[in-house]
Amino acid sequence: MNSFVYYFCAYLVSAALIHMIYIINHDLSHFTAFHSIPLNQLCSVFCSLSTGVPYGISFGKYHREHHKHQGIQGLDTDLASTFEIKYFKGPISKVVFILMVPFFYAIRPMLVTPLPL
């Protein structure tokens, strides 16, 4: 029982920390942390290293595109793709979709509106 409590608490703490890193990268993509854009970008790369993939700069590019084209299917990468809408219907497939949201959120922008690296 003690190991269950330990792992559950470790999961909660790590989930909170990783979420905080995503929030920090979101703010850095708006260049709000520092007066210098390169300093915001450097901090974003450094923060995203803790997730294992330095996604900070790419996220910023796609996030700005999201703000330019909010709500426009095919341009707003935060909207579910046609594939996702078509194949994830019903309670079981929606649970699968929810479990795969991090994957879709990471891959969807590169498929919907590919930008140069």
PDB file of N, CA and C in Angstrom:
ATOM      1  N   MET A   1       0.821  -1.205   0.000  1.00  0.00           N
ATOM      2  CA  MET A   1       0.000   0.000   0.000  1.00  0.00           C
ATOM      3  C   MET A   1       0.863   1.267   0.000  1.00  0.00           C
ATOM      4  N   ASN A   2       1.969   1.230   0.731  1.00  0.00           N
ATOM      5  CA  ASN A   2       2.833   2.414   0.782  1.00  0.00           C
ATOM      6  C   ASN A   2       3.426   2.747  -0.573  1.00  0.00           C
ATOM      7  N   SER A   3       3.793   1.717  -1.337  1.00  0.00           N
ATOM      8  CA  SER A   3       4.363   1.994  -2.653  1.00  0.00           C
ATOM      9  C   SER A   3       3.309   2.595  -3.586  1.00  0.00           C
ATOM     10  N   PHE A   4       2.047   2.171  -3.456  1.00  0.00           N
ATOM     11  CA  PHE A   4       0.975   2.760  -4.265  1.00  0.00           C
ATOM     12  C   PHE A   4       0.842   4.246  -3.958  1.00  0.00           C
ATOM     13  N   VAL A   5       0.826   4.608  -2.690  1.00  0.00           N
ATOM     14  CA  VAL A   5       0.712   6.013  -2.282  1.00  0.00           C
ATOM     15  C   VAL A   5       1.909   6.801  -2.796  1.00  0.00           C
ATOM     16  N   TYR A   6       3.103   6.218  -2.686  1.00  0.00           N
ATOM     17  CA  TYR A   6       4.320   6.884  -3.162  1.00  0.00           C
ATOM     18  C   TYR A   6       4.224   7.171  -4.669  1.00  0.00           C
ATOM     19  N   TYR A   7       3.886   6.156  -5.454  1.00  0.00           N
ATOM     20  CA  TYR A   7       3.810   6.328  -6.910  1.00  0.00           C
ATOM     21  C   TYR A   7       2.672   7.263  -7.314  1.00  0.00           C
ATOM     22  N   PHE A   8       1.570   7.199  -6.605  1.00  0.00           N
ATOM     23  CA  PHE A   8       0.449   8.099  -6.896  1.00  0.00           C
ATOM     24  C   PHE A   8       0.854   9.544  -6.640  1.00  0.00           C
ATOM     25  N   CYS A   9       1.521   9.790  -5.509  1.00  0.00           N
ATOM     26  CA  CYS A   9       1.970  11.148  -5.195  1.00  0.00           C
ATOM     27  C   CYS A   9       3.034  11.617  -6.188  1.00  0.00           C
ATOM     28  N   ALA A  10       3.950  10.714  -6.576  1.00  0.00           N
ATOM     29  CA  ALA A  10       4.973  11.064  -7.561  1.00  0.00           C
ATOM     30  C   ALA A  10       4.331  11.425  -8.895  1.00  0.00           C
ATOM     31  N   TYR A  11       3.292  10.675  -9.274  1.00  0.00           N
ATOM     32  CA  TYR A  11       2.574  10.956 -10.518  1.00  0.00           C
ATOM     33  C   TYR A  11       1.917  12.336 -10.441  1.00  0.00           C
ATOM     34  N   LEU A  12       1.255  12.637  -9.335  1.00  0.00           N
ATOM     35  CA  LEU A  12       0.580  13.931  -9.199  1.00  0.00           C
ATOM     36  C   LEU A  12       1.576  15.083  -9.233  1.00  0.00           C
ATOM     37  N   VAL A  13       2.682  14.944  -8.530  1.00  0.00           N
ATOM     38  CA  VAL A  13       3.681  16.005  -8.497  1.00  0.00           C
ATOM     39  C   VAL A  13       4.298  16.187  -9.884  1.00  0.00           C
ATOM     40  N   SER A  14       4.673  15.094 -10.539  1.00  0.00           N
ATOM     41  CA  SER A  14       5.283  15.224 -11.865  1.00  0.00           C
ATOM     42  C   SER A  14       4.288  15.763 -12.887  1.00  0.00           C
ATOM     43  N   ALA A  15       3.027  15.377 -12.779  1.00  0.00           N
ATOM     44  CA  ALA A  15       2.010  15.917 -13.694  1.00  0.00           C
ATOM     45  C   ALA A  15       1.858  17.422 -13.501  1.00  0.00           C
ATOM     46  N   ALA A  16       1.870  17.871 -12.251  1.00  0.00           N
ATOM     47  CA  ALA A  16       1.762  19.307 -11.982  1.00  0.00           C
ATOM     48  C   ALA A  16       2.973  20.051 -12.522  1.00  0.00           C
ATOM     49  N   LEU A  17       4.157  19.482 -12.360  1.00  0.00           N
ATOM     50  CA  LEU A  17       5.373  20.134 -12.848  1.00  0.00           C
ATOM     51  C   LEU A  17       5.411  20.201 -14.370  1.00  0.00           C
ATOM     52  N   ILE A  18       5.043  19.125 -15.036  1.00  0.00           N
ATOM     53  CA  ILE A  18       5.073  19.131 -16.502  1.00  0.00           C
ATOM     54  C   ILE A  18       4.025  20.101 -17.048  1.00  0.00           C
ATOM     55  N   HIS A  19       2.888  20.183 -16.397  1.00  0.00           N
ATOM     56  CA  HIS A  19       1.873  21.151 -16.814  1.00  0.00           C
ATOM     57  C   HIS A  19       2.404  22.574 -16.646  1.00  0.00           C
ATOM     58  N   MET A  20       3.119  22.813 -15.561  1.00  0.00           N
ATOM     59  CA  MET A  20       3.689  24.134 -15.325  1.00  0.00           C
ATOM     60  C   MET A  20       4.697  24.484 -16.421  1.00  0.00           C
ATOM     61  N   ILE A  21       5.461  23.502 -16.874  1.00  0.00           N
ATOM     62  CA  ILE A  21       6.421  23.742 -17.960  1.00  0.00           C
ATOM     63  C   ILE A  21       5.686  24.113 -19.247  1.00  0.00           C
ATOM     64  N   TYR A  22       4.584  23.444 -19.536  1.00  0.00           N
ATOM     65  CA  TYR A  22       3.799  23.784 -20.726  1.00  0.00           C
ATOM     66  C   TYR A  22       3.238  25.204 -20.631  1.00  0.00           C
ATOM     67  N   ILE A  23       2.792  25.589 -19.444  1.00  0.00           N
ATOM     68  CA  ILE A  23       2.265  26.949 -19.259  1.00  0.00           C
ATOM     69  C   ILE A  23       3.381  27.980 -19.434  1.00  0.00           C
ATOM     70  N   ILE A  24       4.552  27.692 -18.896  1.00  0.00           N
ATOM     71  CA  ILE A  24       5.686  28.604 -19.059  1.00  0.00           C
ATOM     72  C   ILE A  24       6.029  28.744 -20.539  1.00  0.00           C
ATOM     73  N   ASN A  25       6.072  27.625 -21.264  1.00  0.00           N
ATOM     74  CA  ASN A  25       6.382  27.691 -22.704  1.00  0.00           C
ATOM     75  C   ASN A  25       5.314  28.458 -23.466  1.00  0.00           C
ATOM     76  N   HIS A  26       4.065  28.345 -23.043  1.00  0.00           N
ATOM     77  CA  HIS A  26       3.008  29.123 -23.681  1.00  0.00           C
ATOM     78  C   HIS A  26       3.287  30.614 -23.518  1.00  0.00           C
ATOM     79  N   ASP A  27       3.600  31.033 -22.301  1.00  0.00           N
ATOM     80  CA  ASP A  27       3.893  32.453 -22.073  1.00  0.00           C
ATOM     81  C   ASP A  27       5.147  32.892 -22.821  1.00  0.00           C
ATOM     82  N   LEU A  28       6.144  32.042 -22.855  1.00  0.00           N
ATOM     83  CA  LEU A  28       7.367  32.375 -23.590  1.00  0.00           C
ATOM     84  C   LEU A  28       7.100  32.495 -25.089  1.00  0.00           C
ATOM     85  N   SER A  29       6.128  31.759 -25.611  1.00  0.00           N
ATOM     86  CA  SER A  29       5.810  31.860 -27.043  1.00  0.00           C
ATOM     87  C   SER A  29       5.172  33.209 -27.377  1.00  0.00           C
ATOM     88  N   HIS A  30       4.648  33.890 -26.365  1.00  0.00           N
ATOM     89  CA  HIS A  30       4.113  35.249 -26.544  1.00  0.00           C
ATOM     90  C   HIS A  30       5.173  36.304 -26.255  1.00  0.00           C
ATOM     91  N   PHE A  31       6.391  35.848 -25.926  1.00  0.00           N
ATOM     92  CA  PHE A  31       7.523  36.739 -25.618  1.00  0.00           C
ATOM     93  C   PHE A  31       7.209  37.675 -24.457  1.00  0.00           C
ATOM     94  N   THR A  32       6.601  37.153 -23.409  1.00  0.00           N
ATOM     95  CA  THR A  32       6.192  37.991 -22.268  1.00  0.00           C
ATOM     96  C   THR A  32       7.118  37.884 -21.066  1.00  0.00           C
ATOM     97  N   ALA A  33       8.055  36.950 -21.058  1.00  0.00           N
ATOM     98  CA  ALA A  33       8.909  36.774 -19.881  1.00  0.00           C
ATOM     99  C   ALA A  33      10.061  37.779 -19.847  1.00  0.00           C
ATOM    100  N   PHE A  34      10.634  38.063 -21.012  1.00  0.00           N
ATOM    101  CA  PHE A  34      11.786  38.957 -21.102  1.00  0.00           C
ATOM    102  C   PHE A  34      11.532  40.005 -22.180  1.00  0.00           C
ATOM    103  N   HIS A  35      12.279  41.090 -22.144  1.00  0.00           N
ATOM    104  CA  HIS A  35      12.143  42.130 -23.169  1.00  0.00           C
ATOM    105  C   HIS A  35      12.738  41.687 -24.497  1.00  0.00           C
ATOM    106  N   SER A  36      13.655  40.735 -24.448  1.00  0.00           N
ATOM    107  CA  SER A  36      14.349  40.270 -25.643  1.00  0.00           C
ATOM    108  C   SER A  36      13.686  39.001 -26.192  1.00  0.00           C
ATOM    109  N   ILE A  37      13.358  39.003 -27.486  1.00  0.00           N
ATOM    110  CA  ILE A  37      12.771  37.807 -28.117  1.00  0.00           C
ATOM    111  C   ILE A  37      13.745  36.629 -28.071  1.00  0.00           C
ATOM    112  N   PRO A  38      15.033  36.818 -28.426  1.00  0.00           N
ATOM    113  CA  PRO A  38      15.954  35.679 -28.345  1.00  0.00           C
ATOM    114  C   PRO A  38      16.077  35.103 -26.924  1.00  0.00           C
ATOM    115  N   LEU A  39      15.999  35.934 -25.911  1.00  0.00           N
ATOM    116  CA  LEU A  39      16.069  35.442 -24.538  1.00  0.00           C
ATOM    117  C   LEU A  39      14.829  34.615 -24.190  1.00  0.00           C
ATOM    118  N   ASN A  40      13.667  35.049 -24.655  1.00  0.00           N
ATOM    119  CA  ASN A  40      12.443  34.262 -24.474  1.00  0.00           C
ATOM    120  C   ASN A  40      12.583  32.906 -25.168  1.00  0.00           C
ATOM    121  N   GLN A  41      13.134  32.905 -26.381  1.00  0.00           N
ATOM    122  CA  GLN A  41      13.294  31.659 -27.136  1.00  0.00           C
ATOM    123  C   GLN A  41      14.307  30.732 -26.471  1.00  0.00           C
ATOM    124  N   LEU A  42      15.412  31.292 -25.994  1.00  0.00           N
ATOM    125  CA  LEU A  42      16.419  30.483 -25.310  1.00  0.00           C
ATOM    126  C   LEU A  42      15.842  29.848 -24.045  1.00  0.00           C
ATOM    127  N   CYS A  43      15.104  30.619 -23.293  1.00  0.00           N
ATOM    128  CA  CYS A  43      14.465  30.106 -22.082  1.00  0.00           C
ATOM    129  C   CYS A  43      13.446  29.019 -22.433  1.00  0.00           C
ATOM    130  N   SER A  44      12.738  29.193 -23.525  1.00  0.00           N
ATOM    131  CA  SER A  44      11.756  28.209 -23.965  1.00  0.00           C
ATOM    132  C   SER A  44      12.418  26.879 -24.315  1.00  0.00           C
ATOM    133  N   VAL A  45      13.537  26.941 -25.029  1.00  0.00           N
ATOM    134  CA  VAL A  45      14.269  25.722 -25.366  1.00  0.00           C
ATOM    135  C   VAL A  45      14.766  25.054 -24.089  1.00  0.00           C
ATOM    136  N   PHE A  46      15.320  25.836 -23.187  1.00  0.00           N
ATOM    137  CA  PHE A  46      15.836  25.293 -21.924  1.00  0.00           C
ATOM    138  C   PHE A  46      14.721  24.634 -21.109  1.00  0.00           C
ATOM    139  N   CYS A  47      13.573  25.302 -20.992  1.00  0.00           N
ATOM    140  CA  CYS A  47      12.452  24.746 -20.223  1.00  0.00           C
ATOM    141  C   CYS A  47      11.919  23.470 -20.857  1.00  0.00           C
ATOM    142  N   SER A  48      11.838  23.445 -22.166  1.00  0.00           N
ATOM    143  CA  SER A  48      11.266  22.272 -22.825  1.00  0.00           C
ATOM    144  C   SER A  48      12.219  21.084 -22.837  1.00  0.00           C
ATOM    145  N   LEU A  49      13.492  21.292 -22.555  1.00  0.00           N
ATOM    146  CA  LEU A  49      14.435  20.178 -22.475  1.00  0.00           C
ATOM    147  C   LEU A  49      14.030  19.183 -21.387  1.00  0.00           C
ATOM    148  N   SER A  50      13.391  19.662 -20.344  1.00  0.00           N
ATOM    149  CA  SER A  50      12.999  18.783 -19.239  1.00  0.00           C
ATOM    150  C   SER A  50      11.951  17.749 -19.668  1.00  0.00           C
ATOM    151  N   THR A  51      11.275  17.982 -20.777  1.00  0.00           N
ATOM    152  CA  THR A  51      10.291  17.010 -21.267  1.00  0.00           C
ATOM    153  C   THR A  51      10.946  15.956 -22.160  1.00  0.00           C
ATOM    154  N   GLY A  52      12.216  16.148 -22.496  1.00  0.00           N
ATOM    155  CA  GLY A  52      12.919  15.203 -23.348  1.00  0.00           C
ATOM    156  C   GLY A  52      12.973  15.630 -24.802  1.00  0.00           C
ATOM    157  N   VAL A  53      12.151  16.599 -25.183  1.00  0.00           N
ATOM    158  CA  VAL A  53      12.115  17.081 -26.565  1.00  0.00           C
ATOM    159  C   VAL A  53      12.115  18.609 -26.528  1.00  0.00           C
ATOM    160  N   PRO A  54      13.131  19.266 -27.098  1.00  0.00           N
ATOM    161  CA  PRO A  54      13.160  20.739 -27.077  1.00  0.00           C
ATOM    162  C   PRO A  54      12.179  21.327 -28.100  1.00  0.00           C
ATOM    163  N   TYR A  55      10.911  21.327 -27.731  1.00  0.00           N
ATOM    164  CA  TYR A  55       9.836  21.718 -28.655  1.00  0.00           C
ATOM    165  C   TYR A  55       9.510  23.208 -28.602  1.00  0.00           C
ATOM    166  N   GLY A  56      10.128  23.973 -27.734  1.00  0.00           N
ATOM    167  CA  GLY A  56       9.730  25.350 -27.447  1.00  0.00           C
ATOM    168  C   GLY A  56       9.577  26.256 -28.655  1.00  0.00           C
ATOM    169  N   ILE A  57      10.556  26.280 -29.540  1.00  0.00           N
ATOM    170  CA  ILE A  57      10.515  27.185 -30.692  1.00  0.00           C
ATOM    171  C   ILE A  57       9.420  26.757 -31.668  1.00  0.00           C
ATOM    172  N   SER A  58       9.335  25.468 -31.949  1.00  0.00           N
ATOM    173  CA  SER A  58       8.289  24.980 -32.865  1.00  0.00           C
ATOM    174  C   SER A  58       6.906  25.271 -32.313  1.00  0.00           C
ATOM    175  N   PHE A  59       6.722  25.056 -31.011  1.00  0.00           N
ATOM    176  CA  PHE A  59       5.430  25.351 -30.397  1.00  0.00           C
ATOM    177  C   PHE A  59       5.079  26.815 -30.601  1.00  0.00           C
ATOM    178  N   GLY A  60       6.060  27.701 -30.419  1.00  0.00           N
ATOM    179  CA  GLY A  60       5.807  29.131 -30.574  1.00  0.00           C
ATOM    180  C   GLY A  60       5.328  29.492 -31.969  1.00  0.00           C
ATOM    181  N   LYS A  61       5.952  28.886 -32.993  1.00  0.00           N
ATOM    182  CA  LYS A  61       5.538  29.166 -34.379  1.00  0.00           C
ATOM    183  C   LYS A  61       4.089  28.739 -34.604  1.00  0.00           C
ATOM    184  N   TYR A  62       3.760  27.528 -34.182  1.00  0.00           N
ATOM    185  CA  TYR A  62       2.405  27.026 -34.391  1.00  0.00           C
ATOM    186  C   TYR A  62       1.398  27.759 -33.513  1.00  0.00           C
ATOM    187  N   HIS A  63       1.822  28.172 -32.346  1.00  0.00           N
ATOM    188  CA  HIS A  63       0.899  28.871 -31.456  1.00  0.00           C
ATOM    189  C   HIS A  63       0.538  30.245 -32.024  1.00  0.00           C
ATOM    190  N   ARG A  64       1.507  30.915 -32.627  1.00  0.00           N
ATOM    191  CA  ARG A  64       1.196  32.210 -33.255  1.00  0.00           C
ATOM    192  C   ARG A  64       0.256  32.019 -34.447  1.00  0.00           C
ATOM    193  N   GLU A  65       0.445  30.935 -35.203  1.00  0.00           N
ATOM    194  CA  GLU A  65      -0.477  30.620 -36.304  1.00  0.00           C
ATOM    195  C   GLU A  65      -1.891  30.360 -35.761  1.00  0.00           C
ATOM    196  N   HIS A  66      -1.961  29.696 -34.628  1.00  0.00           N
ATOM    197  CA  HIS A  66      -3.257  29.439 -33.989  1.00  0.00           C
ATOM    198  C   HIS A  66      -3.958  30.756 -33.666  1.00  0.00           C
ATOM    199  N   HIS A  67      -3.218  31.730 -33.171  1.00  0.00           N
ATOM    200  CA  HIS A  67      -3.833  33.021 -32.842  1.00  0.00           C
ATOM    201  C   HIS A  67      -4.242  33.792 -34.096  1.00  0.00           C
ATOM    202  N   LYS A  68      -3.506  33.633 -35.184  1.00  0.00           N
ATOM    203  CA  LYS A  68      -3.851  34.320 -36.431  1.00  0.00           C
ATOM    204  C   LYS A  68      -5.119  33.753 -37.058  1.00  0.00           C
ATOM    205  N   HIS A  69      -5.333  32.430 -36.905  1.00  0.00           N
ATOM    206  CA  HIS A  69      -6.407  31.757 -37.635  1.00  0.00           C
ATOM    207  C   HIS A  69      -7.367  31.021 -36.698  1.00  0.00           C
ATOM    208  N   GLN A  70      -7.631  31.598 -35.538  1.00  0.00           N
ATOM    209  CA  GLN A  70      -8.478  30.902 -34.572  1.00  0.00           C
ATOM    210  C   GLN A  70      -9.842  30.554 -35.145  1.00  0.00           C
ATOM    211  N   GLY A  71     -10.181  29.267 -35.020  1.00  0.00           N
ATOM    212  CA  GLY A  71     -11.500  28.803 -35.424  1.00  0.00           C
ATOM    213  C   GLY A  71     -11.642  28.446 -36.889  1.00  0.00           C
ATOM    214  N   ILE A  72     -10.582  28.600 -37.680  1.00  0.00           N
ATOM    215  CA  ILE A  72     -10.657  28.297 -39.111  1.00  0.00           C
ATOM    216  C   ILE A  72     -10.122  26.880 -39.347  1.00  0.00           C
ATOM    217  N   GLN A  73     -11.015  25.978 -39.741  1.00  0.00           N
ATOM    218  CA  GLN A  73     -10.631  24.581 -39.984  1.00  0.00           C
ATOM    219  C   GLN A  73      -9.567  24.517 -41.070  1.00  0.00           C
ATOM    220  N   GLY A  74      -8.523  23.758 -40.833  1.00  0.00           N
ATOM    221  CA  GLY A  74      -7.441  23.629 -41.794  1.00  0.00           C
ATOM    222  C   GLY A  74      -6.302  24.604 -41.562  1.00  0.00           C
ATOM    223  N   LEU A  75      -6.534  25.641 -40.771  1.00  0.00           N
ATOM    224  CA  LEU A  75      -5.472  26.596 -40.453  1.00  0.00           C
ATOM    225  C   LEU A  75      -5.188  26.661 -38.949  1.00  0.00           C
ATOM    226  N   ASP A  76      -6.235  26.550 -38.130  1.00  0.00           N
ATOM    227  CA  ASP A  76      -6.076  26.569 -36.675  1.00  0.00           C
ATOM    228  C   ASP A  76      -5.706  25.161 -36.227  1.00  0.00           C
ATOM    229  N   THR A  77      -4.447  24.989 -35.804  1.00  0.00           N
ATOM    230  CA  THR A  77      -3.971  23.652 -35.455  1.00  0.00           C
ATOM    231  C   THR A  77      -4.481  23.170 -34.102  1.00  0.00           C
ATOM    232  N   ASP A  78      -5.190  24.002 -33.372  1.00  0.00           N
ATOM    233  CA  ASP A  78      -5.791  23.552 -32.111  1.00  0.00           C
ATOM    234  C   ASP A  78      -7.150  22.891 -32.335  1.00  0.00           C
ATOM    235  N   LEU A  79      -7.711  23.026 -33.523  1.00  0.00           N
ATOM    236  CA  LEU A  79      -8.980  22.368 -33.827  1.00  0.00           C
ATOM    237  C   LEU A  79      -8.737  20.918 -34.222  1.00  0.00           C
ATOM    238  N   ALA A  80      -9.664  20.066 -33.858  1.00  0.00           N
ATOM    239  CA  ALA A  80      -9.550  18.656 -34.247  1.00  0.00           C
ATOM    240  C   ALA A  80      -9.569  18.553 -35.772  1.00  0.00           C
ATOM    241  N   SER A  81      -8.748  17.658 -36.288  1.00  0.00           N
ATOM    242  CA  SER A  81      -8.692  17.462 -37.740  1.00  0.00           C
ATOM    243  C   SER A  81      -9.927  16.701 -38.213  1.00  0.00           C
ATOM    244  N   THR A  82     -10.125  16.690 -39.513  1.00  0.00           N
ATOM    245  CA  THR A  82     -11.244  15.956 -40.099  1.00  0.00           C
ATOM    246  C   THR A  82     -11.155  14.471 -39.748  1.00  0.00           C
ATOM    247  N   PHE A  83      -9.951  13.917 -39.764  1.00  0.00           N
ATOM    248  CA  PHE A  83      -9.732  12.523 -39.385  1.00  0.00           C
ATOM    249  C   PHE A  83     -10.213  12.269 -37.954  1.00  0.00           C
ATOM    250  N   GLU A  84      -9.820  13.151 -37.029  1.00  0.00           N
ATOM    251  CA  GLU A  84     -10.207  12.982 -35.626  1.00  0.00           C
ATOM    252  C   GLU A  84     -11.726  13.055 -35.462  1.00  0.00           C
ATOM    253  N   ILE A  85     -12.343  13.985 -36.151  1.00  0.00           N
ATOM    254  CA  ILE A  85     -13.799  14.147 -36.056  1.00  0.00           C
ATOM    255  C   ILE A  85     -14.513  12.922 -36.629  1.00  0.00           C
ATOM    256  N   LYS A  86     -13.998  12.405 -37.729  1.00  0.00           N
ATOM    257  CA  LYS A  86     -14.652  11.288 -38.412  1.00  0.00           C
ATOM    258  C   LYS A  86     -14.521   9.974 -37.649  1.00  0.00           C
ATOM    259  N   TYR A  87     -13.344   9.704 -37.069  1.00  0.00           N
ATOM    260  CA  TYR A  87     -13.090   8.386 -36.506  1.00  0.00           C
ATOM    261  C   TYR A  87     -13.251   8.277 -34.986  1.00  0.00           C
ATOM    262  N   PHE A  88     -13.360   9.379 -34.293  1.00  0.00           N
ATOM    263  CA  PHE A  88     -13.504   9.294 -32.842  1.00  0.00           C
ATOM    264  C   PHE A  88     -14.916   9.699 -32.442  1.00  0.00           C
ATOM    265  N   LYS A  89     -15.842   8.752 -32.648  1.00  0.00           N
ATOM    266  CA  LYS A  89     -17.246   8.945 -32.284  1.00  0.00           C
ATOM    267  C   LYS A  89     -17.621   7.839 -31.314  1.00  0.00           C
ATOM    268  N   GLY A  90     -18.489   8.145 -30.391  1.00  0.00           N
ATOM    269  CA  GLY A  90     -18.907   7.141 -29.417  1.00  0.00           C
ATOM    270  C   GLY A  90     -18.025   7.158 -28.182  1.00  0.00           C
ATOM    271  N   PRO A  91     -18.517   6.606 -27.099  1.00  0.00           N
ATOM    272  CA  PRO A  91     -17.820   6.728 -25.814  1.00  0.00           C
ATOM    273  C   PRO A  91     -16.458   6.035 -25.765  1.00  0.00           C
ATOM    274  N   ILE A  92     -16.322   4.856 -26.333  1.00  0.00           N
ATOM    275  CA  ILE A  92     -15.058   4.127 -26.234  1.00  0.00           C
ATOM    276  C   ILE A  92     -13.971   4.814 -27.052  1.00  0.00           C
ATOM    277  N   SER A  93     -14.287   5.177 -28.277  1.00  0.00           N
ATOM    278  CA  SER A  93     -13.276   5.832 -29.106  1.00  0.00           C
ATOM    279  C   SER A  93     -12.929   7.221 -28.563  1.00  0.00           C
ATOM    280  N   LYS A  94     -13.867   7.884 -27.899  1.00  0.00           N
ATOM    281  CA  LYS A  94     -13.551   9.189 -27.309  1.00  0.00           C
ATOM    282  C   LYS A  94     -12.616   9.049 -26.108  1.00  0.00           C
ATOM    283  N   VAL A  95     -12.754   7.967 -25.354  1.00  0.00           N
ATOM    284  CA  VAL A  95     -11.810   7.708 -24.260  1.00  0.00           C
ATOM    285  C   VAL A  95     -10.412   7.477 -24.839  1.00  0.00           C
ATOM    286  N   VAL A  96     -10.334   6.708 -25.929  1.00  0.00           N
ATOM    287  CA  VAL A  96      -9.053   6.481 -26.609  1.00  0.00           C
ATOM    288  C   VAL A  96      -8.489   7.813 -27.087  1.00  0.00           C
ATOM    289  N   PHE A  97      -9.340   8.656 -27.657  1.00  0.00           N
ATOM    290  CA  PHE A  97      -8.901   9.966 -28.128  1.00  0.00           C
ATOM    291  C   PHE A  97      -8.341  10.795 -26.975  1.00  0.00           C
ATOM    292  N   ILE A  98      -9.029  10.827 -25.849  1.00  0.00           N
ATOM    293  CA  ILE A  98      -8.578  11.609 -24.694  1.00  0.00           C
ATOM    294  C   ILE A  98      -7.217  11.112 -24.216  1.00  0.00           C
ATOM    295  N   LEU A  99      -7.025   9.793 -24.228  1.00  0.00           N
ATOM    296  CA  LEU A  99      -5.741   9.243 -23.814  1.00  0.00           C
ATOM    297  C   LEU A  99      -4.625   9.601 -24.805  1.00  0.00           C
ATOM    298  N   MET A 100      -5.001   9.856 -26.057  1.00  0.00           N
ATOM    299  CA  MET A 100      -4.019  10.159 -27.089  1.00  0.00           C
ATOM    300  C   MET A 100      -3.897  11.656 -27.395  1.00  0.00           C
ATOM    301  N   VAL A 101      -4.569  12.501 -26.634  1.00  0.00           N
ATOM    302  CA  VAL A 101      -4.537  13.944 -26.895  1.00  0.00           C
ATOM    303  C   VAL A 101      -3.109  14.494 -26.967  1.00  0.00           C
ATOM    304  N   PRO A 102      -2.202  14.114 -26.046  1.00  0.00           N
ATOM    305  CA  PRO A 102      -0.844  14.659 -26.192  1.00  0.00           C
ATOM    306  C   PRO A 102      -0.210  14.314 -27.545  1.00  0.00           C
ATOM    307  N   PHE A 103      -0.449  13.106 -28.025  1.00  0.00           N
ATOM    308  CA  PHE A 103       0.082  12.702 -29.331  1.00  0.00           C
ATOM    309  C   PHE A 103      -0.536  13.551 -30.449  1.00  0.00           C
ATOM    310  N   PHE A 104      -1.868  13.672 -30.435  1.00  0.00           N
ATOM    311  CA  PHE A 104      -2.535  14.459 -31.478  1.00  0.00           C
ATOM    312  C   PHE A 104      -2.123  15.921 -31.422  1.00  0.00           C
ATOM    313  N   TYR A 105      -1.979  16.455 -30.210  1.00  0.00           N
ATOM    314  CA  TYR A 105      -1.607  17.863 -30.062  1.00  0.00           C
ATOM    315  C   TYR A 105      -0.199  18.107 -30.591  1.00  0.00           C
ATOM    316  N   ALA A 106       0.669  17.105 -30.485  1.00  0.00           N
ATOM    317  CA  ALA A 106       2.040  17.258 -30.961  1.00  0.00           C
ATOM    318  C   ALA A 106       2.152  17.043 -32.466  1.00  0.00           C
ATOM    319  N   ILE A 107       1.374  16.110 -33.017  1.00  0.00           N
ATOM    320  CA  ILE A 107       1.494  15.743 -34.430  1.00  0.00           C
ATOM    321  C   ILE A 107       0.594  16.576 -35.339  1.00  0.00           C
ATOM    322  N   ARG A 108      -0.595  16.952 -34.863  1.00  0.00           N
ATOM    323  CA  ARG A 108      -1.573  17.648 -35.699  1.00  0.00           C
ATOM    324  C   ARG A 108      -1.012  18.879 -36.408  1.00  0.00           C
ATOM    325  N   PRO A 109      -0.286  19.768 -35.726  1.00  0.00           N
ATOM    326  CA  PRO A 109       0.199  20.966 -36.441  1.00  0.00           C
ATOM    327  C   PRO A 109       1.069  20.643 -37.643  1.00  0.00           C
ATOM    328  N   MET A 110       1.904  19.613 -37.529  1.00  0.00           N
ATOM    329  CA  MET A 110       2.798  19.265 -38.646  1.00  0.00           C
ATOM    330  C   MET A 110       2.031  18.676 -39.817  1.00  0.00           C
ATOM    331  N   LEU A 111       0.864  18.098 -39.556  1.00  0.00           N
ATOM    332  CA  LEU A 111       0.054  17.514 -40.631  1.00  0.00           C
ATOM    333  C   LEU A 111      -0.901  18.533 -41.248  1.00  0.00           C
ATOM    334  N   VAL A 112      -1.469  19.404 -40.400  1.00  0.00           N
ATOM    335  CA  VAL A 112      -2.474  20.368 -40.882  1.00  0.00           C
ATOM    336  C   VAL A 112      -1.816  21.513 -41.632  1.00  0.00           C
ATOM    337  N   THR A 113      -0.826  22.144 -41.033  1.00  0.00           N
ATOM    338  CA  THR A 113      -0.130  23.274 -41.671  1.00  0.00           C
ATOM    339  C   THR A 113       1.368  23.133 -41.434  1.00  0.00           C
ATOM    340  N   PRO A 114       2.051  22.334 -42.225  1.00  0.00           N
ATOM    341  CA  PRO A 114       3.496  22.150 -42.022  1.00  0.00           C
ATOM    342  C   PRO A 114       4.257  23.465 -42.189  1.00  0.00           C
ATOM    343  N   LEU A 115       5.091  23.774 -41.214  1.00  0.00           N
ATOM    344  CA  LEU A 115       5.952  24.956 -41.277  1.00  0.00           C
ATOM    345  C   LEU A 115       7.393  24.481 -41.344  1.00  0.00           C
ATOM    346  N   PRO A 116       8.278  25.278 -41.926  1.00  0.00           N
ATOM    347  CA  PRO A 116       9.692  24.870 -41.961  1.00  0.00           C
ATOM    348  C   PRO A 116      10.257  24.803 -40.543  1.00  0.00           C
ATOM    349  N   LEU A 117      11.168  23.845 -40.330  1.00  0.00           N
ATOM    350  CA  LEU A 117      11.785  23.719 -38.997  1.00  0.00           C
ATOM    351  C   LEU A 117      12.649  24.909 -38.696  1.00  0.00           C
TER     352      LEU A 117
END
